Amino acid sequence: MEYPIEVPLKRPVEVDGKTIDKLSFDEPDLATSIAVEEAQSPALQTATLLAGMAGVDRSVMLKVKESDFREIGRLVLRPYQAHVAAQQGSDAGNGQPAK
């Protein structure tokens, strides 16, 4: 996966008087991973993950319109989830034993 992934928003988001018309997603950091684990529901976990990847507050992601969210899912979330699943598969204990 190549980062950053920039996604223009068809429906810009207004936060604190500032208009956000695109989001740039990067690989999540450890703080984001911990926040995802602590989120109370799968929907909040997704919002937390994407917000952390975009470097914005979760409240920004919660304001993203459904059509833009689907595009973020297609360009960012699904490829990221596939990447993580592939990495977990390679770590499944089929490698060489430690020396």
PDB file of N, CA and C in Angstrom:
ATOM      1  N   MET A   1       0.826  -1.176   0.000  1.00  0.00           N
ATOM      2  CA  MET A   1       0.000   0.000   0.000  1.00  0.00           C
ATOM      3  C   MET A   1       0.875   1.246   0.000  1.00  0.00           C
ATOM      4  N   GLU A   2       0.541   2.164  -0.839  1.00  0.00           N
ATOM      5  CA  GLU A   2       1.307   3.411  -0.955  1.00  0.00           C
ATOM      6  C   GLU A   2       0.588   4.532  -0.206  1.00  0.00           C
ATOM      7  N   TYR A   3       1.281   5.157   0.717  1.00  0.00           N
ATOM      8  CA  TYR A   3       0.734   6.300   1.454  1.00  0.00           C
ATOM      9  C   TYR A   3       1.500   7.548   1.066  1.00  0.00           C
ATOM     10  N   PRO A   4       0.939   8.715   1.233  1.00  0.00           N
ATOM     11  CA  PRO A   4      -0.428   8.993   1.659  1.00  0.00           C
ATOM     12  C   PRO A   4      -1.418   8.779   0.525  1.00  0.00           C
ATOM     13  N   ILE A   5      -2.681   8.579   0.904  1.00  0.00           N
ATOM     14  CA  ILE A   5      -3.774   8.442  -0.046  1.00  0.00           C
ATOM     15  C   ILE A   5      -4.672   9.655   0.141  1.00  0.00           C
ATOM     16  N   GLU A   6      -4.751  10.490  -0.864  1.00  0.00           N
ATOM     17  CA  GLU A   6      -5.567  11.702  -0.786  1.00  0.00           C
ATOM     18  C   GLU A   6      -6.937  11.439  -1.400  1.00  0.00           C
ATOM     19  N   VAL A   7      -7.975  11.795  -0.651  1.00  0.00           N
ATOM     20  CA  VAL A   7      -9.346  11.600  -1.114  1.00  0.00           C
ATOM     21  C   VAL A   7     -10.064  12.953  -1.096  1.00  0.00           C
ATOM     22  N   PRO A   8     -10.404  13.479  -2.288  1.00  0.00           N
ATOM     23  CA  PRO A   8     -11.187  14.705  -2.321  1.00  0.00           C
ATOM     24  C   PRO A   8     -12.629  14.412  -1.879  1.00  0.00           C
ATOM     25  N   LEU A   9     -13.214  15.327  -1.133  1.00  0.00           N
ATOM     26  CA  LEU A   9     -14.591  15.153  -0.675  1.00  0.00           C
ATOM     27  C   LEU A   9     -15.537  15.861  -1.636  1.00  0.00           C
ATOM     28  N   LYS A  10     -16.525  15.141  -2.138  1.00  0.00           N
ATOM     29  CA  LYS A  10     -17.537  15.750  -3.005  1.00  0.00           C
ATOM     30  C   LYS A  10     -18.395  16.718  -2.203  1.00  0.00           C
ATOM     31  N   ARG A  11     -18.590  16.394  -0.924  1.00  0.00           N
ATOM     32  CA  ARG A  11     -19.382  17.219  -0.011  1.00  0.00           C
ATOM     33  C   ARG A  11     -18.471  17.642   1.132  1.00  0.00           C
ATOM     34  N   PRO A  12     -17.825  18.805   1.021  1.00  0.00           N
ATOM     35  CA  PRO A  12     -16.897  19.258   2.064  1.00  0.00           C
ATOM     36  C   PRO A  12     -17.552  19.291   3.448  1.00  0.00           C
ATOM     37  N   VAL A  13     -16.704  19.151   4.468  1.00  0.00           N
ATOM     38  CA  VAL A  13     -17.132  19.124   5.860  1.00  0.00           C
ATOM     39  C   VAL A  13     -16.740  20.449   6.507  1.00  0.00           C
ATOM     40  N   GLU A  14     -17.645  21.018   7.274  1.00  0.00           N
ATOM     41  CA  GLU A  14     -17.396  22.262   8.003  1.00  0.00           C
ATOM     42  C   GLU A  14     -17.138  21.931   9.463  1.00  0.00           C
ATOM     43  N   VAL A  15     -15.956  22.329   9.976  1.00  0.00           N
ATOM     44  CA  VAL A  15     -15.596  22.082  11.372  1.00  0.00           C
ATOM     45  C   VAL A  15     -14.950  23.339  11.929  1.00  0.00           C
ATOM     46  N   ASP A  16     -15.519  23.857  12.997  1.00  0.00           N
ATOM     47  CA  ASP A  16     -14.987  25.057  13.658  1.00  0.00           C
ATOM     48  C   ASP A  16     -14.737  26.194  12.669  1.00  0.00           C
ATOM     49  N   GLY A  17     -15.663  26.389  11.751  1.00  0.00           N
ATOM     50  CA  GLY A  17     -15.542  27.471  10.781  1.00  0.00           C
ATOM     51  C   GLY A  17     -14.569  27.201   9.648  1.00  0.00           C
ATOM     52  N   LYS A  18     -13.989  26.022   9.621  1.00  0.00           N
ATOM     53  CA  LYS A  18     -13.025  25.661   8.582  1.00  0.00           C
ATOM     54  C   LYS A  18     -13.652  24.608   7.665  1.00  0.00           C
ATOM     55  N   THR A  19     -13.488  24.782   6.370  1.00  0.00           N
ATOM     56  CA  THR A  19     -14.013  23.831   5.392  1.00  0.00           C
ATOM     57  C   THR A  19     -12.921  22.839   5.014  1.00  0.00           C
ATOM     58  N   ILE A  20     -13.245  21.561   5.149  1.00  0.00           N
ATOM     59  CA  ILE A  20     -12.314  20.488   4.768  1.00  0.00           C
ATOM     60  C   ILE A  20     -12.850  19.870   3.490  1.00  0.00           C
ATOM     61  N   ASP A  21     -12.075  20.001   2.392  1.00  0.00           N
ATOM     62  CA  ASP A  21     -12.547  19.490   1.108  1.00  0.00           C
ATOM     63  C   ASP A  21     -11.761  18.281   0.610  1.00  0.00           C
ATOM     64  N   LYS A  22     -10.771  17.851   1.396  1.00  0.00           N
ATOM     65  CA  LYS A  22     -10.034  16.626   1.069  1.00  0.00           C
ATOM     66  C   LYS A  22      -9.410  16.096   2.348  1.00  0.00           C
ATOM     67  N   LEU A  23      -9.174  14.800   2.364  1.00  0.00           N
ATOM     68  CA  LEU A  23      -8.501  14.148   3.486  1.00  0.00           C
ATOM     69  C   LEU A  23      -7.321  13.368   2.943  1.00  0.00           C
ATOM     70  N   SER A  24      -6.227  13.390   3.671  1.00  0.00           N
ATOM     71  CA  SER A  24      -5.025  12.657   3.280  1.00  0.00           C
ATOM     72  C   SER A  24      -4.757  11.594   4.345  1.00  0.00           C
ATOM     73  N   PHE A  25      -4.792  10.334   3.928  1.00  0.00           N
ATOM     74  CA  PHE A  25      -4.674   9.208   4.843  1.00  0.00           C
ATOM     75  C   PHE A  25      -3.266   8.617   4.802  1.00  0.00           C
ATOM     76  N   ASP A  26      -2.743   8.314   5.989  1.00  0.00           N
ATOM     77  CA  ASP A  26      -1.424   7.708   6.134  1.00  0.00           C
ATOM     78  C   ASP A  26      -1.566   6.455   6.984  1.00  0.00           C
ATOM     79  N   GLU A  27      -0.522   5.691   7.072  1.00  0.00           N
ATOM     80  CA  GLU A  27      -0.525   4.493   7.909  1.00  0.00           C
ATOM     81  C   GLU A  27      -0.833   4.887   9.352  1.00  0.00           C
ATOM     82  N   PRO A  28      -1.681   4.119  10.041  1.00  0.00           N
ATOM     83  CA  PRO A  28      -2.004   4.494  11.420  1.00  0.00           C
ATOM     84  C   PRO A  28      -0.810   4.322  12.352  1.00  0.00           C
ATOM     85  N   ASP A  29      -0.756   5.193  13.364  1.00  0.00           N
ATOM     86  CA  ASP A  29       0.294   5.075  14.373  1.00  0.00           C
ATOM     87  C   ASP A  29      -0.227   4.252  15.556  1.00  0.00           C
ATOM     88  N   LEU A  30       0.625   4.013  16.525  1.00  0.00           N
ATOM     89  CA  LEU A  30       0.259   3.182  17.668  1.00  0.00           C
ATOM     90  C   LEU A  30      -0.887   3.794  18.459  1.00  0.00           C
ATOM     91  N   ALA A  31      -0.894   5.118  18.628  1.00  0.00           N
ATOM     92  CA  ALA A  31      -1.976   5.773  19.365  1.00  0.00           C
ATOM     93  C   ALA A  31      -3.321   5.516  18.697  1.00  0.00           C
ATOM     94  N   THR A  32      -3.347   5.542  17.378  1.00  0.00           N
ATOM     95  CA  THR A  32      -4.586   5.256  16.649  1.00  0.00           C
ATOM     96  C   THR A  32      -5.011   3.814  16.880  1.00  0.00           C
ATOM     97  N   SER A  33      -4.072   2.887  16.814  1.00  0.00           N
ATOM     98  CA  SER A  33      -4.393   1.473  17.037  1.00  0.00           C
ATOM     99  C   SER A  33      -4.976   1.251  18.425  1.00  0.00           C
ATOM    100  N   ILE A  34      -4.425   1.915  19.416  1.00  0.00           N
ATOM    101  CA  ILE A  34      -4.939   1.790  20.790  1.00  0.00           C
ATOM    102  C   ILE A  34      -6.334   2.399  20.879  1.00  0.00           C
ATOM    103  N   ALA A  35      -6.531   3.568  20.280  1.00  0.00           N
ATOM    104  CA  ALA A  35      -7.844   4.217  20.310  1.00  0.00           C
ATOM    105  C   ALA A  35      -8.903   3.356  19.620  1.00  0.00           C
ATOM    106  N   VAL A  36      -8.524   2.684  18.548  1.00  0.00           N
ATOM    107  CA  VAL A  36      -9.456   1.783  17.854  1.00  0.00           C
ATOM    108  C   VAL A  36      -9.872   0.655  18.787  1.00  0.00           C
ATOM    109  N   GLU A  37      -8.913   0.067  19.479  1.00  0.00           N
ATOM    110  CA  GLU A  37      -9.222  -1.013  20.422  1.00  0.00           C
ATOM    111  C   GLU A  37     -10.147  -0.551  21.543  1.00  0.00           C
ATOM    112  N   GLU A  38     -10.035   0.701  21.954  1.00  0.00           N
ATOM    113  CA  GLU A  38     -10.830   1.227  23.053  1.00  0.00           C
ATOM    114  C   GLU A  38     -12.214   1.719  22.626  1.00  0.00           C
ATOM    115  N   ALA A  39     -12.444   1.871  21.323  1.00  0.00           N
ATOM    116  CA  ALA A  39     -13.746   2.351  20.833  1.00  0.00           C
ATOM    117  C   ALA A  39     -14.833   1.337  21.185  1.00  0.00           C
ATOM    118  N   GLN A  40     -16.045   1.843  21.444  1.00  0.00           N
ATOM    119  CA  GLN A  40     -17.128   1.029  21.994  1.00  0.00           C
ATOM    120  C   GLN A  40     -17.885   0.181  20.979  1.00  0.00           C
ATOM    121  N   SER A  41     -17.808   0.491  19.700  1.00  0.00           N
ATOM    122  CA  SER A  41     -18.575  -0.259  18.700  1.00  0.00           C
ATOM    123  C   SER A  41     -17.768  -0.358  17.404  1.00  0.00           C
ATOM    124  N   PRO A  42     -18.132  -1.296  16.536  1.00  0.00           N
ATOM    125  CA  PRO A  42     -17.430  -1.398  15.250  1.00  0.00           C
ATOM    126  C   PRO A  42     -17.489  -0.102  14.428  1.00  0.00           C
ATOM    127  N   ALA A  43     -18.630   0.580  14.459  1.00  0.00           N
ATOM    128  CA  ALA A  43     -18.748   1.835  13.700  1.00  0.00           C
ATOM    129  C   ALA A  43     -17.791   2.892  14.240  1.00  0.00           C
ATOM    130  N   LEU A  44     -17.710   3.005  15.569  1.00  0.00           N
ATOM    131  CA  LEU A  44     -16.783   3.977  16.163  1.00  0.00           C
ATOM    132  C   LEU A  44     -15.337   3.550  15.958  1.00  0.00           C
ATOM    133  N   GLN A  45     -15.074   2.253  15.912  1.00  0.00           N
ATOM    134  CA  GLN A  45     -13.716   1.784  15.615  1.00  0.00           C
ATOM    135  C   GLN A  45     -13.308   2.225  14.212  1.00  0.00           C
ATOM    136  N   THR A  46     -14.220   2.089  13.255  1.00  0.00           N
ATOM    137  CA  THR A  46     -13.926   2.500  11.879  1.00  0.00           C
ATOM    138  C   THR A  46     -13.689   4.003  11.805  1.00  0.00           C
ATOM    139  N   ALA A  47     -14.565   4.787  12.443  1.00  0.00           N
ATOM    140  CA  ALA A  47     -14.406   6.242  12.436  1.00  0.00           C
ATOM    141  C   ALA A  47     -13.091   6.646  13.100  1.00  0.00           C
ATOM    142  N   THR A  48     -12.740   5.975  14.185  1.00  0.00           N
ATOM    143  CA  THR A  48     -11.503   6.272  14.907  1.00  0.00           C
ATOM    144  C   THR A  48     -10.283   5.929  14.057  1.00  0.00           C
ATOM    145  N   LEU A  49     -10.314   4.778  13.404  1.00  0.00           N
ATOM    146  CA  LEU A  49      -9.207   4.372  12.534  1.00  0.00           C
ATOM    147  C   LEU A  49      -9.006   5.382  11.406  1.00  0.00           C
ATOM    148  N   LEU A  50     -10.081   5.700  10.704  1.00  0.00           N
ATOM    149  CA  LEU A  50      -9.962   6.616   9.572  1.00  0.00           C
ATOM    150  C   LEU A  50      -9.551   8.019  10.014  1.00  0.00           C
ATOM    151  N   ALA A  51     -10.089   8.480  11.137  1.00  0.00           N
ATOM    152  CA  ALA A  51      -9.691   9.798  11.649  1.00  0.00           C
ATOM    153  C   ALA A  51      -8.206   9.812  11.981  1.00  0.00           C
ATOM    154  N   GLY A  52      -7.727   8.762  12.651  1.00  0.00           N
ATOM    155  CA  GLY A  52      -6.308   8.682  12.981  1.00  0.00           C
ATOM    156  C   GLY A  52      -5.430   8.634  11.741  1.00  0.00           C
ATOM    157  N   MET A  53      -5.874   7.889  10.741  1.00  0.00           N
ATOM    158  CA  MET A  53      -5.112   7.799   9.501  1.00  0.00           C
ATOM    159  C   MET A  53      -5.076   9.142   8.774  1.00  0.00           C
ATOM    160  N   ALA A  54      -6.152   9.936   8.926  1.00  0.00           N
ATOM    161  CA  ALA A  54      -6.225  11.237   8.252  1.00  0.00           C
ATOM    162  C   ALA A  54      -5.672  12.368   9.108  1.00  0.00           C
ATOM    163  N   GLY A  55      -5.349  12.067  10.380  1.00  0.00           N
ATOM    164  CA  GLY A  55      -4.810  13.097  11.253  1.00  0.00           C
ATOM    165  C   GLY A  55      -5.836  14.151  11.639  1.00  0.00           C
ATOM    166  N   VAL A  56      -7.099  13.731  11.726  1.00  0.00           N
ATOM    167  CA  VAL A  56      -8.171  14.648  12.126  1.00  0.00           C
ATOM    168  C   VAL A  56      -8.897  14.077  13.334  1.00  0.00           C
ATOM    169  N   ASP A  57      -9.668  14.911  14.002  1.00  0.00           N
ATOM    170  CA  ASP A  57     -10.481  14.451  15.115  1.00  0.00           C
ATOM    171  C   ASP A  57     -11.599  13.540  14.594  1.00  0.00           C
ATOM    172  N   ARG A  58     -11.994  12.594  15.421  1.00  0.00           N
ATOM    173  CA  ARG A  58     -13.047  11.658  15.019  1.00  0.00           C
ATOM    174  C   ARG A  58     -14.325  12.399  14.637  1.00  0.00           C
ATOM    175  N   SER A  59     -14.579  13.550  15.250  1.00  0.00           N
ATOM    176  CA  SER A  59     -15.784  14.320  14.924  1.00  0.00           C
ATOM    177  C   SER A  59     -15.818  14.720  13.446  1.00  0.00           C
ATOM    178  N   VAL A  60     -14.651  14.910  12.842  1.00  0.00           N
ATOM    179  CA  VAL A  60     -14.592  15.228  11.408  1.00  0.00           C
ATOM    180  C   VAL A  60     -15.098  14.041  10.598  1.00  0.00           C
ATOM    181  N   MET A  61     -14.610  12.851  10.910  1.00  0.00           N
ATOM    182  CA  MET A  61     -15.046  11.662  10.166  1.00  0.00           C
ATOM    183  C   MET A  61     -16.539  11.423  10.330  1.00  0.00           C
ATOM    184  N   LEU A  62     -17.074  11.726  11.491  1.00  0.00           N
ATOM    185  CA  LEU A  62     -18.499  11.517  11.730  1.00  0.00           C
ATOM    186  C   LEU A  62     -19.368  12.478  10.929  1.00  0.00           C
ATOM    187  N   LYS A  63     -18.774  13.550  10.408  1.00  0.00           N
ATOM    188  CA  LYS A  63     -19.515  14.512   9.579  1.00  0.00           C
ATOM    189  C   LYS A  63     -19.403  14.211   8.083  1.00  0.00           C
ATOM    190  N   VAL A  64     -18.540  13.287   7.706  1.00  0.00           N
ATOM    191  CA  VAL A  64     -18.367  12.951   6.294  1.00  0.00           C
ATOM    192  C   VAL A  64     -19.661  12.325   5.767  1.00  0.00           C
ATOM    193  N   LYS A  65     -20.097  12.792   4.613  1.00  0.00           N
ATOM    194  CA  LYS A  65     -21.325  12.279   3.999  1.00  0.00           C
ATOM    195  C   LYS A  65     -21.116  10.837   3.523  1.00  0.00           C
ATOM    196  N   GLU A  66     -22.213  10.117   3.434  1.00  0.00           N
ATOM    197  CA  GLU A  66     -22.179   8.690   3.087  1.00  0.00           C
ATOM    198  C   GLU A  66     -21.480   8.431   1.753  1.00  0.00           C
ATOM    199  N   SER A  67     -21.745   9.259   0.743  1.00  0.00           N
ATOM    200  CA  SER A  67     -21.110   9.041  -0.571  1.00  0.00           C
ATOM    201  C   SER A  67     -19.591   9.187  -0.470  1.00  0.00           C
ATOM    202  N   ASP A  68     -19.117  10.149   0.300  1.00  0.00           N
ATOM    203  CA  ASP A  68     -17.676  10.308   0.484  1.00  0.00           C
ATOM    204  C   ASP A  68     -17.123   9.167   1.334  1.00  0.00           C
ATOM    205  N   PHE A  69     -17.890   8.719   2.329  1.00  0.00           N
ATOM    206  CA  PHE A  69     -17.440   7.603   3.156  1.00  0.00           C
ATOM    207  C   PHE A  69     -17.263   6.341   2.309  1.00  0.00           C
ATOM    208  N   ARG A  70     -18.184   6.102   1.382  1.00  0.00           N
ATOM    209  CA  ARG A  70     -18.042   4.923   0.497  1.00  0.00           C
ATOM    210  C   ARG A  70     -16.764   5.019  -0.336  1.00  0.00           C
ATOM    211  N   GLU A  71     -16.448   6.220  -0.807  1.00  0.00           N
ATOM    212  CA  GLU A  71     -15.219   6.401  -1.591  1.00  0.00           C
ATOM    213  C   GLU A  71     -13.976   6.190  -0.719  1.00  0.00           C
ATOM    214  N   ILE A  72     -14.008   6.677   0.503  1.00  0.00           N
ATOM    215  CA  ILE A  72     -12.909   6.449   1.446  1.00  0.00           C
ATOM    216  C   ILE A  72     -12.772   4.948   1.718  1.00  0.00           C
ATOM    217  N   GLY A  73     -13.897   4.281   1.862  1.00  0.00           N
ATOM    218  CA  GLY A  73     -13.862   2.829   2.061  1.00  0.00           C
ATOM    219  C   GLY A  73     -13.202   2.113   0.898  1.00  0.00           C
ATOM    220  N   ARG A  74     -13.549   2.522  -0.313  1.00  0.00           N
ATOM    221  CA  ARG A  74     -13.000   1.887  -1.518  1.00  0.00           C
ATOM    222  C   ARG A  74     -11.510   2.164  -1.679  1.00  0.00           C
ATOM    223  N   LEU A  75     -11.101   3.403  -1.443  1.00  0.00           N
ATOM    224  CA  LEU A  75      -9.711   3.788  -1.689  1.00  0.00           C
ATOM    225  C   LEU A  75      -8.768   3.538  -0.515  1.00  0.00           C
ATOM    226  N   VAL A  76      -9.299   3.568   0.713  1.00  0.00           N
ATOM    227  CA  VAL A  76      -8.444   3.510   1.899  1.00  0.00           C
ATOM    228  C   VAL A  76      -8.748   2.294   2.769  1.00  0.00           C
ATOM    229  N   LEU A  77      -9.985   2.168   3.217  1.00  0.00           N
ATOM    230  CA  LEU A  77     -10.313   1.175   4.233  1.00  0.00           C
ATOM    231  C   LEU A  77     -10.168  -0.259   3.726  1.00  0.00           C
ATOM    232  N   ARG A  78     -10.766  -0.587   2.604  1.00  0.00           N
ATOM    233  CA  ARG A  78     -10.679  -1.972   2.109  1.00  0.00           C
ATOM    234  C   ARG A  78      -9.240  -2.369   1.773  1.00  0.00           C
ATOM    235  N   PRO A  79      -8.476  -1.521   1.066  1.00  0.00           N
ATOM    236  CA  PRO A  79      -7.073  -1.895   0.827  1.00  0.00           C
ATOM    237  C   PRO A  79      -6.275  -2.041   2.125  1.00  0.00           C
ATOM    238  N   TYR A  80      -6.532  -1.172   3.106  1.00  0.00           N
ATOM    239  CA  TYR A  80      -5.832  -1.272   4.388  1.00  0.00           C
ATOM    240  C   TYR A  80      -6.181  -2.580   5.086  1.00  0.00           C
ATOM    241  N   GLN A  81      -7.458  -2.922   5.132  1.00  0.00           N
ATOM    242  CA  GLN A  81      -7.883  -4.166   5.785  1.00  0.00           C
ATOM    243  C   GLN A  81      -7.292  -5.385   5.082  1.00  0.00           C
ATOM    244  N   ALA A  82      -7.232  -5.365   3.756  1.00  0.00           N
ATOM    245  CA  ALA A  82      -6.627  -6.469   3.011  1.00  0.00           C
ATOM    246  C   ALA A  82      -5.134  -6.565   3.317  1.00  0.00           C
ATOM    247  N   HIS A  83      -4.483  -5.430   3.416  1.00  0.00           N
ATOM    248  CA  HIS A  83      -3.055  -5.394   3.734  1.00  0.00           C
ATOM    249  C   HIS A  83      -2.792  -5.988   5.122  1.00  0.00           C
ATOM    250  N   VAL A  84      -3.604  -5.579   6.109  1.00  0.00           N
ATOM    251  CA  VAL A  84      -3.454  -6.091   7.468  1.00  0.00           C
ATOM    252  C   VAL A  84      -3.709  -7.596   7.498  1.00  0.00           C
ATOM    253  N   ALA A  85      -4.746  -8.045   6.803  1.00  0.00           N
ATOM    254  CA  ALA A  85      -5.061  -9.481   6.768  1.00  0.00           C
ATOM    255  C   ALA A  85      -3.915 -10.273   6.138  1.00  0.00           C
ATOM    256  N   ALA A  86      -3.313  -9.738   5.092  1.00  0.00           N
ATOM    257  CA  ALA A  86      -2.189 -10.425   4.442  1.00  0.00           C
ATOM    258  C   ALA A  86      -0.989 -10.496   5.375  1.00  0.00           C
ATOM    259  N   GLN A  87      -0.748  -9.427   6.121  1.00  0.00           N
ATOM    260  CA  GLN A  87       0.371  -9.432   7.073  1.00  0.00           C
ATOM    261  C   GLN A  87       0.124 -10.432   8.190  1.00  0.00           C
ATOM    262  N   GLN A  88      -1.088 -10.504   8.684  1.00  0.00           N
ATOM    263  CA  GLN A  88      -1.408 -11.446   9.755  1.00  0.00           C
ATOM    264  C   GLN A  88      -1.251 -12.876   9.263  1.00  0.00           C
ATOM    265  N   GLY A  89      -1.624 -13.111   8.014  1.00  0.00           N
ATOM    266  CA  GLY A  89      -1.460 -14.439   7.449  1.00  0.00           C
ATOM    267  C   GLY A  89      -0.004 -14.841   7.354  1.00  0.00           C
ATOM    268  N   SER A  90       0.864 -13.881   7.052  1.00  0.00           N
ATOM    269  CA  SER A  90       2.284 -14.192   6.943  1.00  0.00           C
ATOM    270  C   SER A  90       2.927 -14.395   8.327  1.00  0.00           C
ATOM    271  N   ASP A  91       2.238 -13.930   9.368  1.00  0.00           N
ATOM    272  CA  ASP A  91       2.742 -14.083  10.725  1.00  0.00           C
ATOM    273  C   ASP A  91       2.074 -15.242  11.453  1.00  0.00           C
ATOM    274  N   ALA A  92       1.470 -16.162  10.729  1.00  0.00           N
ATOM    275  CA  ALA A  92       0.649 -17.210  11.336  1.00  0.00           C
ATOM    276  C   ALA A  92       1.455 -18.382  11.879  1.00  0.00           C
ATOM    277  N   GLY A  93       2.752 -18.261  11.978  1.00  0.00           N
ATOM    278  CA  GLY A  93       3.541 -19.336  12.554  1.00  0.00           C
ATOM    279  C   GLY A  93       4.114 -20.299  11.538  1.00  0.00           C
ATOM    280  N   ASN A  94       4.056 -19.957  10.275  1.00  0.00           N
ATOM    281  CA  ASN A  94       4.576 -20.836   9.236  1.00  0.00           C
ATOM    282  C   ASN A  94       5.996 -20.458   8.812  1.00  0.00           C
ATOM    283  N   GLY A  95       6.565 -19.474   9.483  1.00  0.00           N
ATOM    284  CA  GLY A  95       7.908 -19.047   9.134  1.00  0.00           C
ATOM    285  C   GLY A  95       8.971 -19.922   9.791  1.00  0.00           C
ATOM    286  N   GLN A  96      10.194 -19.511   9.621  1.00  0.00           N
ATOM    287  CA  GLN A  96      11.322 -20.235  10.215  1.00  0.00           C
ATOM    288  C   GLN A  96      11.327 -20.056  11.729  1.00  0.00           C
ATOM    289  N   PRO A  97      11.666 -21.072  12.461  1.00  0.00           N
ATOM    290  CA  PRO A  97      11.735 -20.931  13.925  1.00  0.00           C
ATOM    291  C   PRO A  97      12.846 -19.964  14.330  1.00  0.00           C
ATOM    292  N   ALA A  98      12.649 -19.294  15.445  1.00  0.00           N
ATOM    293  CA  ALA A  98      13.657 -18.368  15.974  1.00  0.00           C
ATOM    294  C   ALA A  98      14.876 -19.144  16.433  1.00  0.00           C
ATOM    295  N   LYS A  99      16.037 -18.548  16.320  1.00  0.00           N
ATOM    296  CA  LYS A  99      17.277 -19.201  16.753  1.00  0.00           C
ATOM    297  C   LYS A  99      17.707 -18.689  18.081  1.00  0.00           C
TER     298      LYS A  99
END
